[in-house]
């Protein structure tokens, strides 16, 4: 399962730090940022189950960033 978030992360160094934190805390998650997108997208995939958006939103908030889940448009 993949979840997509709109964020306010704009610097690559912040994105890299957040990805490292996500991978350390949620060992089944693979995360990446698309800072070129106007919504500064964070994509998170879980290898063994589902992604838990509230936990990721709270993690970003703990580091001073905003994230919101983008609705599935399929």
C-alpha atoms as a PDB file:
ATOM      1  CA  UNK A   1       0.000   0.000   0.000  1.00  0.00           C
ATOM      2  CA  UNK A   2       1.163   3.519  -0.841  1.00  0.00           C
ATOM      3  CA  UNK A   3      -0.030   6.727   0.805  1.00  0.00           C
ATOM      4  CA  UNK A   4       0.625  10.194  -0.613  1.00  0.00           C
ATOM      5  CA  UNK A   5       0.915  13.325   1.515  1.00  0.00           C
ATOM      6  CA  UNK A   6       0.999  17.030   0.727  1.00  0.00           C
ATOM      7  CA  UNK A   7       3.720  18.683   2.849  1.00  0.00           C
ATOM      8  CA  UNK A   8       5.391  22.020   3.456  1.00  0.00           C
ATOM      9  CA  UNK A   9       8.907  20.546   3.306  1.00  0.00           C
ATOM     10  CA  UNK A  10      10.927  22.631   0.857  1.00  0.00           C
ATOM     11  CA  UNK A  11      14.590  21.894   1.572  1.00  0.00           C
ATOM     12  CA  UNK A  12      16.294  18.686   0.435  1.00  0.00           C
ATOM     13  CA  UNK A  13      18.258  18.485   3.715  1.00  0.00           C
ATOM     14  CA  UNK A  14      14.988  18.472   5.687  1.00  0.00           C
ATOM     15  CA  UNK A  15      13.490  15.874   3.355  1.00  0.00           C
ATOM     16  CA  UNK A  16      16.542  13.624   3.772  1.00  0.00           C
ATOM     17  CA  UNK A  17      16.410  13.944   7.573  1.00  0.00           C
ATOM     18  CA  UNK A  18      12.691  13.100   7.620  1.00  0.00           C
ATOM     19  CA  UNK A  19      13.180  10.107   5.330  1.00  0.00           C
ATOM     20  CA  UNK A  20      15.921   8.821   7.642  1.00  0.00           C
ATOM     21  CA  UNK A  21      13.613   9.233  10.644  1.00  0.00           C
ATOM     22  CA  UNK A  22      10.731   7.468   8.886  1.00  0.00           C
ATOM     23  CA  UNK A  23      12.964   4.556   7.873  1.00  0.00           C
ATOM     24  CA  UNK A  24      14.400   4.287  11.400  1.00  0.00           C
ATOM     25  CA  UNK A  25      11.034   4.366  13.195  1.00  0.00           C
ATOM     26  CA  UNK A  26       8.930   2.499  10.639  1.00  0.00           C
ATOM     27  CA  UNK A  27      11.253  -0.212   9.376  1.00  0.00           C
ATOM     28  CA  UNK A  28       8.712  -1.603   6.864  1.00  0.00           C
ATOM     29  CA  UNK A  29       8.191   1.801   5.214  1.00  0.00           C
ATOM     30  CA  UNK A  30       9.962   3.163   2.152  1.00  0.00           C
ATOM     31  CA  UNK A  31       9.585   6.923   1.811  1.00  0.00           C
ATOM     32  CA  UNK A  32      10.550   9.549  -0.717  1.00  0.00           C
ATOM     33  CA  UNK A  33       9.843  13.219  -1.379  1.00  0.00           C
ATOM     34  CA  UNK A  34       9.051  14.965  -4.640  1.00  0.00           C
ATOM     35  CA  UNK A  35      10.009  18.544  -3.801  1.00  0.00           C
ATOM     36  CA  UNK A  36       9.577  19.612  -7.439  1.00  0.00           C
ATOM     37  CA  UNK A  37       5.825  18.985  -7.193  1.00  0.00           C
ATOM     38  CA  UNK A  38       3.788  22.014  -6.118  1.00  0.00           C
ATOM     39  CA  UNK A  39       2.439  19.989  -3.173  1.00  0.00           C
ATOM     40  CA  UNK A  40       5.932  18.820  -2.106  1.00  0.00           C
ATOM     41  CA  UNK A  41       4.762  15.245  -2.123  1.00  0.00           C
ATOM     42  CA  UNK A  42       5.792  12.614   0.407  1.00  0.00           C
ATOM     43  CA  UNK A  43       5.120   9.056  -0.791  1.00  0.00           C
ATOM     44  CA  UNK A  44       5.257   6.229   1.705  1.00  0.00           C
ATOM     45  CA  UNK A  45       4.976   2.543   0.868  1.00  0.00           C
ATOM     46  CA  UNK A  46       4.659  -0.273   3.383  1.00  0.00           C
ATOM     47  CA  UNK A  47       6.170  -3.605   2.414  1.00  0.00           C
ATOM     48  CA  UNK A  48       4.170  -5.656   4.911  1.00  0.00           C
ATOM     49  CA  UNK A  49       0.751  -4.114   5.426  1.00  0.00           C
ATOM     50  CA  UNK A  50      -0.691  -0.649   5.549  1.00  0.00           C
ATOM     51  CA  UNK A  51       0.732   2.813   6.097  1.00  0.00           C
ATOM     52  CA  UNK A  52      -0.655   4.612   9.163  1.00  0.00           C
ATOM     53  CA  UNK A  53      -1.111   8.266   8.094  1.00  0.00           C
ATOM     54  CA  UNK A  54      -1.757   9.733  11.579  1.00  0.00           C
ATOM     55  CA  UNK A  55       1.622   8.465  12.786  1.00  0.00           C
ATOM     56  CA  UNK A  56       3.459  10.030   9.841  1.00  0.00           C
ATOM     57  CA  UNK A  57       1.556  13.310  10.144  1.00  0.00           C
ATOM     58  CA  UNK A  58       2.474  13.451  13.843  1.00  0.00           C
ATOM     59  CA  UNK A  59       6.127  12.639  13.117  1.00  0.00           C
ATOM     60  CA  UNK A  60       6.407  15.513  10.634  1.00  0.00           C
ATOM     61  CA  UNK A  61       4.611  17.784  13.098  1.00  0.00           C
ATOM     62  CA  UNK A  62       7.156  16.861  15.788  1.00  0.00           C
ATOM     63  CA  UNK A  63       9.860  18.245  13.478  1.00  0.00           C
ATOM     64  CA  UNK A  64       7.900  21.423  12.700  1.00  0.00           C
ATOM     65  CA  UNK A  65       6.402  20.418   9.356  1.00  0.00           C
ATOM     66  CA  UNK A  66       2.842  20.061   8.120  1.00  0.00           C
ATOM     67  CA  UNK A  67       1.575  17.040   6.206  1.00  0.00           C
ATOM     68  CA  UNK A  68      -1.888  16.056   5.082  1.00  0.00           C
ATOM     69  CA  UNK A  69      -3.086  12.935   3.369  1.00  0.00           C
ATOM     70  CA  UNK A  70      -4.058  13.454  -0.251  1.00  0.00           C
ATOM     71  CA  UNK A  71      -7.271  11.717  -1.246  1.00  0.00           C
ATOM     72  CA  UNK A  72      -7.065   8.688  -3.512  1.00  0.00           C
ATOM     73  CA  UNK A  73      -8.192   9.896  -6.935  1.00  0.00           C
ATOM     74  CA  UNK A  74      -8.271   6.568  -8.736  1.00  0.00           C
END
